[in-house]
Amino acid sequence: MDTIPQITQRVRLADVARVTTLSTRQIQKLAAAGQIPGAAKFGRIWTFDPIKIHAWINNQEARVCQAAPTPTYTFEAKRIGGGSRLPTASIEAAYARLTRGKQGAGSSSGKRNSSARP
């Protein structure tokens, strides 16, 4: 007696879009271009082999991980030109302007005029 090979149930376009977070239109374009393994169109409906879809996703992930450079971190401080680029005088002048403005505005705010009381 001949044995019938077990057929894996195919998944639809929306399922692949949900798993990959791509739009259904993007999945259709990739499938039509032959870039998704296990894709087959029956009439107007795209279906996919779930085993091949998972392998394709794992392959895409591996390619991205291999292409990404490994970040290197250094804790060295680099000096540019021998010190701060901001002159101290301009910082002090800005602070003086700031505090002068605060002192003028703060003297009358929050206090009532005693002559305005009945």
PDB file of N, CA and C in Angstrom:
ATOM      1  N   MET A   1       0.825  -1.161   0.000  1.00  0.00           N
ATOM      2  CA  MET A   1       0.000   0.000   0.000  1.00  0.00           C
ATOM      3  C   MET A   1       0.882   1.241   0.000  1.00  0.00           C
ATOM      4  N   ASP A   2       0.584   2.193  -0.855  1.00  0.00           N
ATOM      5  CA  ASP A   2       1.333   3.444  -0.920  1.00  0.00           C
ATOM      6  C   ASP A   2       0.904   4.358   0.225  1.00  0.00           C
ATOM      7  N   THR A   3       1.889   4.992   0.810  1.00  0.00           N
ATOM      8  CA  THR A   3       1.560   5.936   1.884  1.00  0.00           C
ATOM      9  C   THR A   3       1.467   7.344   1.301  1.00  0.00           C
ATOM     10  N   ILE A   4       0.514   8.049   1.754  1.00  0.00           N
ATOM     11  CA  ILE A   4       0.332   9.433   1.304  1.00  0.00           C
ATOM     12  C   ILE A   4       1.151  10.335   2.224  1.00  0.00           C
ATOM     13  N   PRO A   5       2.002  11.159   1.628  1.00  0.00           N
ATOM     14  CA  PRO A   5       2.793  12.055   2.489  1.00  0.00           C
ATOM     15  C   PRO A   5       1.869  13.039   3.213  1.00  0.00           C
ATOM     16  N   GLN A   6       2.248  13.330   4.436  1.00  0.00           N
ATOM     17  CA  GLN A   6       1.442  14.257   5.215  1.00  0.00           C
ATOM     18  C   GLN A   6       1.607  15.656   4.651  1.00  0.00           C
ATOM     19  N   ILE A   7       0.490  16.319   4.424  1.00  0.00           N
ATOM     20  CA  ILE A   7       0.514  17.660   3.867  1.00  0.00           C
ATOM     21  C   ILE A   7       0.368  18.661   5.009  1.00  0.00           C
ATOM     22  N   THR A   8       1.289  19.582   5.062  1.00  0.00           N
ATOM     23  CA  THR A   8       1.226  20.629   6.064  1.00  0.00           C
ATOM     24  C   THR A   8       0.192  21.649   5.624  1.00  0.00           C
ATOM     25  N   GLN A   9      -0.642  22.056   6.543  1.00  0.00           N
ATOM     26  CA  GLN A   9      -1.652  23.045   6.198  1.00  0.00           C
ATOM     27  C   GLN A   9      -0.977  24.366   5.883  1.00  0.00           C
ATOM     28  N   ARG A  10      -1.386  24.963   4.801  1.00  0.00           N
ATOM     29  CA  ARG A  10      -0.804  26.220   4.358  1.00  0.00           C
ATOM     30  C   ARG A  10      -1.458  27.375   5.096  1.00  0.00           C
ATOM     31  N   VAL A  11      -0.735  28.464   5.176  1.00  0.00           N
ATOM     32  CA  VAL A  11      -1.270  29.651   5.835  1.00  0.00           C
ATOM     33  C   VAL A  11      -1.557  30.723   4.795  1.00  0.00           C
ATOM     34  N   ARG A  12      -2.434  31.613   5.132  1.00  0.00           N
ATOM     35  CA  ARG A  12      -2.839  32.661   4.201  1.00  0.00           C
ATOM     36  C   ARG A  12      -1.979  33.912   4.352  1.00  0.00           C
ATOM     37  N   LEU A  13      -2.193  34.799   3.421  1.00  0.00           N
ATOM     38  CA  LEU A  13      -1.435  36.039   3.328  1.00  0.00           C
ATOM     39  C   LEU A  13      -1.516  36.852   4.616  1.00  0.00           C
ATOM     40  N   ALA A  14      -2.716  36.984   5.183  1.00  0.00           N
ATOM     41  CA  ALA A  14      -2.882  37.782   6.403  1.00  0.00           C
ATOM     42  C   ALA A  14      -2.071  37.214   7.556  1.00  0.00           C
ATOM     43  N   ASP A  15      -1.943  35.891   7.615  1.00  0.00           N
ATOM     44  CA  ASP A  15      -1.156  35.260   8.675  1.00  0.00           C
ATOM     45  C   ASP A  15       0.323  35.610   8.538  1.00  0.00           C
ATOM     46  N   VAL A  16       0.818  35.570   7.316  1.00  0.00           N
ATOM     47  CA  VAL A  16       2.228  35.908   7.077  1.00  0.00           C
ATOM     48  C   VAL A  16       2.465  37.384   7.364  1.00  0.00           C
ATOM     49  N   ALA A  17       1.520  38.234   6.971  1.00  0.00           N
ATOM     50  CA  ALA A  17       1.653  39.667   7.237  1.00  0.00           C
ATOM     51  C   ALA A  17       1.694  39.934   8.736  1.00  0.00           C
ATOM     52  N   ARG A  18       0.874  39.245   9.495  1.00  0.00           N
ATOM     53  CA  ARG A  18       0.833  39.434  10.943  1.00  0.00           C
ATOM     54  C   ARG A  18       2.146  38.996  11.590  1.00  0.00           C
ATOM     55  N   VAL A  19       2.680  37.876  11.147  1.00  0.00           N
ATOM     56  CA  VAL A  19       3.922  37.357  11.730  1.00  0.00           C
ATOM     57  C   VAL A  19       5.113  38.248  11.386  1.00  0.00           C
ATOM     58  N   THR A  20       5.154  38.743  10.162  1.00  0.00           N
ATOM     59  CA  THR A  20       6.304  39.541   9.725  1.00  0.00           C
ATOM     60  C   THR A  20       6.142  41.027   9.984  1.00  0.00           C
ATOM     61  N   THR A  21       4.957  41.476  10.338  1.00  0.00           N
ATOM     62  CA  THR A  21       4.591  42.878  10.526  1.00  0.00           C
ATOM     63  C   THR A  21       4.719  43.701   9.232  1.00  0.00           C
ATOM     64  N   LEU A  22       4.728  43.021   8.109  1.00  0.00           N
ATOM     65  CA  LEU A  22       4.685  43.701   6.816  1.00  0.00           C
ATOM     66  C   LEU A  22       3.222  43.821   6.393  1.00  0.00           C
ATOM     67  N   SER A  23       2.948  44.739   5.488  1.00  0.00           N
ATOM     68  CA  SER A  23       1.579  44.866   5.013  1.00  0.00           C
ATOM     69  C   SER A  23       1.263  43.714   4.055  1.00  0.00           C
ATOM     70  N   THR A  24      -0.017  43.468   3.863  1.00  0.00           N
ATOM     71  CA  THR A  24      -0.406  42.399   2.946  1.00  0.00           C
ATOM     72  C   THR A  24       0.049  42.729   1.529  1.00  0.00           C
ATOM     73  N   ARG A  25       0.039  43.991   1.169  1.00  0.00           N
ATOM     74  CA  ARG A  25       0.501  44.403  -0.165  1.00  0.00           C
ATOM     75  C   ARG A  25       1.995  44.097  -0.333  1.00  0.00           C
ATOM     76  N   GLN A  26       2.785  44.337   0.694  1.00  0.00           N
ATOM     77  CA  GLN A  26       4.224  44.039   0.617  1.00  0.00           C
ATOM     78  C   GLN A  26       4.463  42.540   0.493  1.00  0.00           C
ATOM     79  N   ILE A  27       3.692  41.754   1.228  1.00  0.00           N
ATOM     80  CA  ILE A  27       3.829  40.293   1.140  1.00  0.00           C
ATOM     81  C   ILE A  27       3.463  39.823  -0.269  1.00  0.00           C
ATOM     82  N   GLN A  28       2.399  40.372  -0.840  1.00  0.00           N
ATOM     83  CA  GLN A  28       2.002  40.008  -2.206  1.00  0.00           C
ATOM     84  C   GLN A  28       3.112  40.333  -3.196  1.00  0.00           C
ATOM     85  N   LYS A  29       3.700  41.498  -3.078  1.00  0.00           N
ATOM     86  CA  LYS A  29       4.774  41.898  -4.003  1.00  0.00           C
ATOM     87  C   LYS A  29       5.982  40.978  -3.877  1.00  0.00           C
ATOM     88  N   LEU A  30       6.375  40.675  -2.631  1.00  0.00           N
ATOM     89  CA  LEU A  30       7.518  39.785  -2.421  1.00  0.00           C
ATOM     90  C   LEU A  30       7.231  38.377  -2.949  1.00  0.00           C
ATOM     91  N   ALA A  31       6.016  37.896  -2.721  1.00  0.00           N
ATOM     92  CA  ALA A  31       5.650  36.566  -3.199  1.00  0.00           C
ATOM     93  C   ALA A  31       5.630  36.526  -4.721  1.00  0.00           C
ATOM     94  N   ALA A  32       5.064  37.557  -5.342  1.00  0.00           N
ATOM     95  CA  ALA A  32       5.003  37.610  -6.807  1.00  0.00           C
ATOM     96  C   ALA A  32       6.395  37.692  -7.425  1.00  0.00           C
ATOM     97  N   ALA A  33       7.320  38.316  -6.707  1.00  0.00           N
ATOM     98  CA  ALA A  33       8.698  38.430  -7.200  1.00  0.00           C
ATOM     99  C   ALA A  33       9.515  37.181  -6.908  1.00  0.00           C
ATOM    100  N   GLY A  34       8.919  36.200  -6.216  1.00  0.00           N
ATOM    101  CA  GLY A  34       9.632  34.962  -5.908  1.00  0.00           C
ATOM    102  C   GLY A  34      10.592  35.089  -4.748  1.00  0.00           C
ATOM    103  N   GLN A  35      10.433  36.108  -3.913  1.00  0.00           N
ATOM    104  CA  GLN A  35      11.359  36.345  -2.812  1.00  0.00           C
ATOM    105  C   GLN A  35      10.931  35.661  -1.511  1.00  0.00           C
ATOM    106  N   ILE A  36       9.725  35.093  -1.491  1.00  0.00           N
ATOM    107  CA  ILE A  36       9.275  34.372  -0.303  1.00  0.00           C
ATOM    108  C   ILE A  36       9.180  32.896  -0.665  1.00  0.00           C
ATOM    109  N   PRO A  37       9.991  32.057  -0.028  1.00  0.00           N
ATOM    110  CA  PRO A  37       9.925  30.623  -0.340  1.00  0.00           C
ATOM    111  C   PRO A  37       8.624  30.018   0.175  1.00  0.00           C
ATOM    112  N   GLY A  38       8.134  29.052  -0.557  1.00  0.00           N
ATOM    113  CA  GLY A  38       6.922  28.355  -0.140  1.00  0.00           C
ATOM    114  C   GLY A  38       5.643  29.098  -0.458  1.00  0.00           C
ATOM    115  N   ALA A  39       5.724  30.141  -1.282  1.00  0.00           N
ATOM    116  CA  ALA A  39       4.531  30.897  -1.655  1.00  0.00           C
ATOM    117  C   ALA A  39       3.914  30.266  -2.898  1.00  0.00           C
ATOM    118  N   ALA A  40       2.601  30.157  -2.901  1.00  0.00           N
ATOM    119  CA  ALA A  40       1.890  29.626  -4.065  1.00  0.00           C
ATOM    120  C   ALA A  40       0.562  30.365  -4.176  1.00  0.00           C
ATOM    121  N   LYS A  41       0.197  30.649  -5.410  1.00  0.00           N
ATOM    122  CA  LYS A  41      -1.060  31.363  -5.648  1.00  0.00           C
ATOM    123  C   LYS A  41      -2.049  30.392  -6.269  1.00  0.00           C
ATOM    124  N   PHE A  42      -3.172  30.219  -5.598  1.00  0.00           N
ATOM    125  CA  PHE A  42      -4.246  29.376  -6.096  1.00  0.00           C
ATOM    126  C   PHE A  42      -5.395  30.293  -6.471  1.00  0.00           C
ATOM    127  N   GLY A  43      -5.589  30.451  -7.763  1.00  0.00           N
ATOM    128  CA  GLY A  43      -6.592  31.420  -8.220  1.00  0.00           C
ATOM    129  C   GLY A  43      -6.110  32.817  -7.881  1.00  0.00           C
ATOM    130  N   ARG A  44      -6.837  33.492  -7.024  1.00  0.00           N
ATOM    131  CA  ARG A  44      -6.444  34.839  -6.615  1.00  0.00           C
ATOM    132  C   ARG A  44      -5.939  34.878  -5.175  1.00  0.00           C
ATOM    133  N   ILE A  45      -5.746  33.716  -4.571  1.00  0.00           N
ATOM    134  CA  ILE A  45      -5.380  33.660  -3.152  1.00  0.00           C
ATOM    135  C   ILE A  45      -3.956  33.133  -2.995  1.00  0.00           C
ATOM    136  N   TRP A  46      -3.140  33.898  -2.284  1.00  0.00           N
ATOM    137  CA  TRP A  46      -1.787  33.477  -1.953  1.00  0.00           C
ATOM    138  C   TRP A  46      -1.836  32.617  -0.696  1.00  0.00           C
ATOM    139  N   THR A  47      -1.112  31.510  -0.727  1.00  0.00           N
ATOM    140  CA  THR A  47      -0.936  30.677   0.462  1.00  0.00           C
ATOM    141  C   THR A  47       0.557  30.402   0.629  1.00  0.00           C
ATOM    142  N   PHE A  48       0.927  30.026   1.836  1.00  0.00           N
ATOM    143  CA  PHE A  48       2.345  29.879   2.159  1.00  0.00           C
ATOM    144  C   PHE A  48       2.566  28.645   3.011  1.00  0.00           C
ATOM    145  N   ASP A  49       3.705  28.028   2.825  1.00  0.00           N
ATOM    146  CA  ASP A  49       4.124  26.893   3.637  1.00  0.00           C
ATOM    147  C   ASP A  49       4.683  27.460   4.945  1.00  0.00           C
ATOM    148  N   PRO A  50       4.055  27.158   6.078  1.00  0.00           N
ATOM    149  CA  PRO A  50       4.487  27.774   7.336  1.00  0.00           C
ATOM    150  C   PRO A  50       5.912  27.402   7.744  1.00  0.00           C
ATOM    151  N   ILE A  51       6.347  26.205   7.421  1.00  0.00           N
ATOM    152  CA  ILE A  51       7.714  25.788   7.766  1.00  0.00           C
ATOM    153  C   ILE A  51       8.725  26.629   6.985  1.00  0.00           C
ATOM    154  N   LYS A  52       8.453  26.836   5.703  1.00  0.00           N
ATOM    155  CA  LYS A  52       9.360  27.643   4.887  1.00  0.00           C
ATOM    156  C   LYS A  52       9.305  29.119   5.280  1.00  0.00           C
ATOM    157  N   ILE A  53       8.137  29.588   5.716  1.00  0.00           N
ATOM    158  CA  ILE A  53       8.021  30.984   6.172  1.00  0.00           C
ATOM    159  C   ILE A  53       8.882  31.196   7.418  1.00  0.00           C
ATOM    160  N   HIS A  54       8.803  30.276   8.376  1.00  0.00           N
ATOM    161  CA  HIS A  54       9.616  30.403   9.584  1.00  0.00           C
ATOM    162  C   HIS A  54      11.104  30.340   9.264  1.00  0.00           C
ATOM    163  N   ALA A  55      11.487  29.464   8.342  1.00  0.00           N
ATOM    164  CA  ALA A  55      12.893  29.380   7.940  1.00  0.00           C
ATOM    165  C   ALA A  55      13.326  30.677   7.260  1.00  0.00           C
ATOM    166  N   TRP A  56      12.458  31.242   6.429  1.00  0.00           N
ATOM    167  CA  TRP A  56      12.756  32.496   5.735  1.00  0.00           C
ATOM    168  C   TRP A  56      12.947  33.632   6.743  1.00  0.00           C
ATOM    169  N   ILE A  57      12.077  33.703   7.751  1.00  0.00           N
ATOM    170  CA  ILE A  57      12.199  34.742   8.780  1.00  0.00           C
ATOM    171  C   ILE A  57      13.504  34.564   9.556  1.00  0.00           C
ATOM    172  N   ASN A  58      13.834  33.346   9.920  1.00  0.00           N
ATOM    173  CA  ASN A  58      15.092  33.080  10.640  1.00  0.00           C
ATOM    174  C   ASN A  58      16.299  33.451   9.793  1.00  0.00           C
ATOM    175  N   ASN A  59      16.233  33.178   8.488  1.00  0.00           N
ATOM    176  CA  ASN A  59      17.313  33.538   7.581  1.00  0.00           C
ATOM    177  C   ASN A  59      17.464  35.058   7.492  1.00  0.00           C
ATOM    178  N   GLN A  60      16.340  35.768   7.400  1.00  0.00           N
ATOM    179  CA  GLN A  60      16.384  37.232   7.343  1.00  0.00           C
ATOM    180  C   GLN A  60      17.009  37.785   8.623  1.00  0.00           C
ATOM    181  N   GLU A  61      16.627  37.225   9.753  1.00  0.00           N
ATOM    182  CA  GLU A  61      17.171  37.661  11.031  1.00  0.00           C
ATOM    183  C   GLU A  61      18.678  37.419  11.102  1.00  0.00           C
ATOM    184  N   ALA A  62      19.116  36.271  10.645  1.00  0.00           N
ATOM    185  CA  ALA A  62      20.545  35.950  10.670  1.00  0.00           C
ATOM    186  C   ALA A  62      21.338  36.906   9.782  1.00  0.00           C
ATOM    187  N   ARG A  63      20.780  37.240   8.608  1.00  0.00           N
ATOM    188  CA  ARG A  63      21.476  38.174   7.705  1.00  0.00           C
ATOM    189  C   ARG A  63      21.609  39.549   8.337  1.00  0.00           C
ATOM    190  N   VAL A  64      20.572  40.002   9.006  1.00  0.00           N
ATOM    191  CA  VAL A  64      20.619  41.317   9.638  1.00  0.00           C
ATOM    192  C   VAL A  64      21.635  41.327  10.769  1.00  0.00           C
ATOM    193  N   CYS A  65      21.654  40.276  11.552  1.00  0.00           N
ATOM    194  CA  CYS A  65      22.601  40.197  12.668  1.00  0.00           C
ATOM    195  C   CYS A  65      24.043  40.150  12.179  1.00  0.00           C
ATOM    196  N   GLN A  66      24.296  39.477  11.062  1.00  0.00           N
ATOM    197  CA  GLN A  66      25.652  39.407  10.522  1.00  0.00           C
ATOM    198  C   GLN A  66      26.084  40.736   9.923  1.00  0.00           C
ATOM    199  N   ALA A  67      25.152  41.473   9.335  1.00  0.00           N
ATOM    200  CA  ALA A  67      25.490  42.731   8.675  1.00  0.00           C
ATOM    201  C   ALA A  67      25.685  43.868   9.657  1.00  0.00           C
ATOM    202  N   ALA A  68      25.063  43.788  10.829  1.00  0.00           N
ATOM    203  CA  ALA A  68      25.151  44.874  11.810  1.00  0.00           C
ATOM    204  C   ALA A  68      26.530  44.877  12.447  1.00  0.00           C
ATOM    205  N   PRO A  69      27.172  46.038  12.470  1.00  0.00           N
ATOM    206  CA  PRO A  69      28.478  46.097  13.126  1.00  0.00           C
ATOM    207  C   PRO A  69      28.320  45.994  14.637  1.00  0.00           C
ATOM    208  N   THR A  70      29.296  45.394  15.264  1.00  0.00           N
ATOM    209  CA  THR A  70      29.284  45.271  16.711  1.00  0.00           C
ATOM    210  C   THR A  70      29.690  46.610  17.310  1.00  0.00           C
ATOM    211  N   PRO A  71      28.850  47.180  18.166  1.00  0.00           N
ATOM    212  CA  PRO A  71      29.199  48.481  18.728  1.00  0.00           C
ATOM    213  C   PRO A  71      30.370  48.367  19.682  1.00  0.00           C
ATOM    214  N   THR A  72      31.225  49.361  19.644  1.00  0.00           N
ATOM    215  CA  THR A  72      32.340  49.419  20.573  1.00  0.00           C
ATOM    216  C   THR A  72      32.168  50.683  21.406  1.00  0.00           C
ATOM    217  N   TYR A  73      32.410  50.559  22.658  1.00  0.00           N
ATOM    218  CA  TYR A  73      32.229  51.686  23.555  1.00  0.00           C
ATOM    219  C   TYR A  73      33.570  52.044  24.163  1.00  0.00           C
ATOM    220  N   THR A  74      33.863  53.326  24.152  1.00  0.00           N
ATOM    221  CA  THR A  74      35.077  53.796  24.801  1.00  0.00           C
ATOM    222  C   THR A  74      34.679  54.864  25.798  1.00  0.00           C
ATOM    223  N   PHE A  75      35.420  54.936  26.853  1.00  0.00           N
ATOM    224  CA  PHE A  75      35.129  55.904  27.897  1.00  0.00           C
ATOM    225  C   PHE A  75      36.220  56.965  27.963  1.00  0.00           C
ATOM    226  N   GLU A  76      36.874  57.181  26.858  1.00  0.00           N
ATOM    227  CA  GLU A  76      37.930  58.180  26.833  1.00  0.00           C
ATOM    228  C   GLU A  76      37.308  59.533  26.528  1.00  0.00           C
ATOM    229  N   ALA A  77      37.712  60.512  27.276  1.00  0.00           N
ATOM    230  CA  ALA A  77      37.265  61.876  27.005  1.00  0.00           C
ATOM    231  C   ALA A  77      38.230  62.480  25.997  1.00  0.00           C
ATOM    232  N   LYS A  78      37.696  63.065  24.986  1.00  0.00           N
ATOM    233  CA  LYS A  78      38.554  63.681  23.979  1.00  0.00           C
ATOM    234  C   LYS A  78      38.553  65.188  24.190  1.00  0.00           C
ATOM    235  N   ARG A  79      39.713  65.751  24.243  1.00  0.00           N
ATOM    236  CA  ARG A  79      39.856  67.189  24.413  1.00  0.00           C
ATOM    237  C   ARG A  79      39.858  67.839  23.047  1.00  0.00           C
ATOM    238  N   ILE A  80      39.114  68.890  22.953  1.00  0.00           N
ATOM    239  CA  ILE A  80      39.084  69.645  21.710  1.00  0.00           C
ATOM    240  C   ILE A  80      39.662  71.014  21.994  1.00  0.00           C
ATOM    241  N   GLY A  81      40.827  71.280  21.470  1.00  0.00           N
ATOM    242  CA  GLY A  81      41.415  72.604  21.551  1.00  0.00           C
ATOM    243  C   GLY A  81      41.889  73.030  22.928  1.00  0.00           C
ATOM    244  N   GLY A  82      41.987  72.148  23.871  1.00  0.00           N
ATOM    245  CA  GLY A  82      42.586  72.500  25.147  1.00  0.00           C
ATOM    246  C   GLY A  82      41.621  73.041  26.181  1.00  0.00           C
ATOM    247  N   GLY A  83      40.363  72.730  26.102  1.00  0.00           N
ATOM    248  CA  GLY A  83      39.465  73.173  27.164  1.00  0.00           C
ATOM    249  C   GLY A  83      38.094  73.509  26.643  1.00  0.00           C
ATOM    250  N   SER A  84      37.388  74.256  27.445  1.00  0.00           N
ATOM    251  CA  SER A  84      36.029  74.621  27.099  1.00  0.00           C
ATOM    252  C   SER A  84      36.009  75.569  25.916  1.00  0.00           C
ATOM    253  N   ARG A  85      35.032  75.422  25.079  1.00  0.00           N
ATOM    254  CA  ARG A  85      34.909  76.292  23.919  1.00  0.00           C
ATOM    255  C   ARG A  85      34.131  77.553  24.266  1.00  0.00           C
ATOM    256  N   LEU A  86      33.471  77.559  25.425  1.00  0.00           N
ATOM    257  CA  LEU A  86      32.716  78.726  25.840  1.00  0.00           C
ATOM    258  C   LEU A  86      33.572  79.578  26.759  1.00  0.00           C
ATOM    259  N   PRO A  87      33.719  80.842  26.454  1.00  0.00           N
ATOM    260  CA  PRO A  87      34.505  81.695  27.351  1.00  0.00           C
ATOM    261  C   PRO A  87      33.755  81.908  28.664  1.00  0.00           C
ATOM    262  N   THR A  88      34.491  81.957  29.745  1.00  0.00           N
ATOM    263  CA  THR A  88      33.903  82.117  31.065  1.00  0.00           C
ATOM    264  C   THR A  88      33.170  83.446  31.175  1.00  0.00           C
ATOM    265  N   ALA A  89      33.687  84.494  30.551  1.00  0.00           N
ATOM    266  CA  ALA A  89      33.072  85.821  30.654  1.00  0.00           C
ATOM    267  C   ALA A  89      31.660  85.819  30.099  1.00  0.00           C
ATOM    268  N   SER A  90      31.431  85.110  28.991  1.00  0.00           N
ATOM    269  CA  SER A  90      30.088  85.117  28.418  1.00  0.00           C
ATOM    270  C   SER A  90      29.109  84.351  29.291  1.00  0.00           C
ATOM    271  N   ILE A  91      29.569  83.320  29.981  1.00  0.00           N
ATOM    272  CA  ILE A  91      28.709  82.567  30.890  1.00  0.00           C
ATOM    273  C   ILE A  91      28.341  83.433  32.087  1.00  0.00           C
ATOM    274  N   GLU A  92      29.331  84.140  32.618  1.00  0.00           N
ATOM    275  CA  GLU A  92      29.070  85.019  33.758  1.00  0.00           C
ATOM    276  C   GLU A  92      28.139  86.161  33.382  1.00  0.00           C
ATOM    277  N   ALA A  93      28.305  86.705  32.187  1.00  0.00           N
ATOM    278  CA  ALA A  93      27.430  87.791  31.740  1.00  0.00           C
ATOM    279  C   ALA A  93      25.998  87.290  31.549  1.00  0.00           C
ATOM    280  N   ALA A  94      25.845  86.099  31.022  1.00  0.00           N
ATOM    281  CA  ALA A  94      24.510  85.538  30.833  1.00  0.00           C
ATOM    282  C   ALA A  94      23.858  85.274  32.180  1.00  0.00           C
ATOM    283  N   TYR A  95      24.627  84.814  33.150  1.00  0.00           N
ATOM    284  CA  TYR A  95      24.082  84.565  34.482  1.00  0.00           C
ATOM    285  C   TYR A  95      23.653  85.883  35.134  1.00  0.00           C
ATOM    286  N   ALA A  96      24.452  86.908  34.970  1.00  0.00           N
ATOM    287  CA  ALA A  96      24.115  88.214  35.545  1.00  0.00           C
ATOM    288  C   ALA A  96      22.833  88.760  34.927  1.00  0.00           C
ATOM    289  N   ARG A  97      22.679  88.631  33.606  1.00  0.00           N
ATOM    290  CA  ARG A  97      21.452  89.093  32.946  1.00  0.00           C
ATOM    291  C   ARG A  97      20.255  88.311  33.452  1.00  0.00           C
ATOM    292  N   LEU A  98      20.427  87.031  33.627  1.00  0.00           N
ATOM    293  CA  LEU A  98      19.339  86.181  34.093  1.00  0.00           C
ATOM    294  C   LEU A  98      18.920  86.564  35.511  1.00  0.00           C
ATOM    295  N   THR A  99      19.862  86.737  36.385  1.00  0.00           N
ATOM    296  CA  THR A  99      19.522  87.068  37.773  1.00  0.00           C
ATOM    297  C   THR A  99      18.975  88.485  37.886  1.00  0.00           C
ATOM    298  N   ARG A 100      19.447  89.437  37.076  1.00  0.00           N
ATOM    299  CA  ARG A 100      18.885  90.792  37.092  1.00  0.00           C
ATOM    300  C   ARG A 100      17.426  90.782  36.701  1.00  0.00           C
ATOM    301  N   GLY A 101      17.094  90.013  35.686  1.00  0.00           N
ATOM    302  CA  GLY A 101      15.708  89.921  35.250  1.00  0.00           C
ATOM    303  C   GLY A 101      14.829  89.295  36.311  1.00  0.00           C
ATOM    304  N   LYS A 102      15.334  88.310  37.022  1.00  0.00           N
ATOM    305  CA  LYS A 102      14.576  87.636  38.074  1.00  0.00           C
ATOM    306  C   LYS A 102      14.362  88.569  39.268  1.00  0.00           C
ATOM    307  N   GLN A 103      15.378  89.353  39.613  1.00  0.00           N
ATOM    308  CA  GLN A 103      15.265  90.236  40.765  1.00  0.00           C
ATOM    309  C   GLN A 103      14.222  91.327  40.520  1.00  0.00           C
ATOM    310  N   GLY A 104      14.201  91.862  39.311  1.00  0.00           N
ATOM    311  CA  GLY A 104      13.229  92.912  38.990  1.00  0.00           C
ATOM    312  C   GLY A 104      11.811  92.379  38.987  1.00  0.00           C
ATOM    313  N   ALA A 105      11.593  91.207  38.474  1.00  0.00           N
ATOM    314  CA  ALA A 105      10.251  90.628  38.398  1.00  0.00           C
ATOM    315  C   ALA A 105       9.813  90.089  39.741  1.00  0.00           C
ATOM    316  N   GLY A 106      10.740  89.626  40.567  1.00  0.00           N
ATOM    317  CA  GLY A 106      10.395  89.000  41.829  1.00  0.00           C
ATOM    318  C   GLY A 106      10.063  89.986  42.924  1.00  0.00           C
ATOM    319  N   SER A 107      10.485  91.253  42.812  1.00  0.00           N
ATOM    320  CA  SER A 107      10.264  92.192  43.894  1.00  0.00           C
ATOM    321  C   SER A 107       8.800  92.575  44.054  1.00  0.00           C
ATOM    322  N   SER A 108       8.045  92.654  42.977  1.00  0.00           N
ATOM    323  CA  SER A 108       6.655  93.068  43.099  1.00  0.00           C
ATOM    324  C   SER A 108       5.691  91.906  43.039  1.00  0.00           C
ATOM    325  N   SER A 109       6.118  90.754  42.535  1.00  0.00           N
ATOM    326  CA  SER A 109       5.193  89.642  42.415  1.00  0.00           C
ATOM    327  C   SER A 109       4.987  88.968  43.750  1.00  0.00           C
ATOM    328  N   GLY A 110       3.759  88.582  44.023  1.00  0.00           N
ATOM    329  CA  GLY A 110       3.447  87.866  45.234  1.00  0.00           C
ATOM    330  C   GLY A 110       3.169  88.775  46.418  1.00  0.00           C
ATOM    331  N   LYS A 111       3.470  90.065  46.322  1.00  0.00           N
ATOM    332  CA  LYS A 111       3.222  90.998  47.424  1.00  0.00           C
ATOM    333  C   LYS A 111       2.053  91.898  47.042  1.00  0.00           C
ATOM    334  N   ARG A 112       1.198  92.156  48.001  1.00  0.00           N
ATOM    335  CA  ARG A 112       0.077  93.050  47.761  1.00  0.00           C
ATOM    336  C   ARG A 112       0.482  94.477  48.079  1.00  0.00           C
ATOM    337  N   ASN A 113      -0.097  95.359  47.381  1.00  0.00           N
ATOM    338  CA  ASN A 113       0.122  96.771  47.649  1.00  0.00           C
ATOM    339  C   ASN A 113      -0.735  97.146  48.847  1.00  0.00           C
ATOM    340  N   SER A 114      -0.118  97.658  49.901  1.00  0.00           N
ATOM    341  CA  SER A 114      -0.862  97.954  51.122  1.00  0.00           C
ATOM    342  C   SER A 114      -1.845  99.095  50.922  1.00  0.00           C
ATOM    343  N   SER A 115      -1.601  99.961  49.979  1.00  0.00           N
ATOM    344  CA  SER A 115      -2.526 101.076  49.745  1.00  0.00           C
ATOM    345  C   SER A 115      -3.794 100.627  49.015  1.00  0.00           C
ATOM    346  N   ALA A 116      -3.800  99.432  48.434  1.00  0.00           N
ATOM    347  CA  ALA A 116      -4.950  98.955  47.697  1.00  0.00           C
ATOM    348  C   ALA A 116      -6.004  98.310  48.606  1.00  0.00           C
ATOM    349  N   ARG A 117      -5.698  98.120  49.895  1.00  0.00           N
ATOM    350  CA  ARG A 117      -6.643  97.500  50.818  1.00  0.00           C
ATOM    351  C   ARG A 117      -7.702  98.516  51.252  1.00  0.00           C
ATOM    352  N   PRO A 118      -8.913  98.046  51.455  1.00  0.00           N
ATOM    353  CA  PRO A 118      -9.965  98.968  51.909  1.00  0.00           C
ATOM    354  C   PRO A 118      -9.875  99.321  53.370  1.00  0.00           C
TER     355      PRO A 118
END
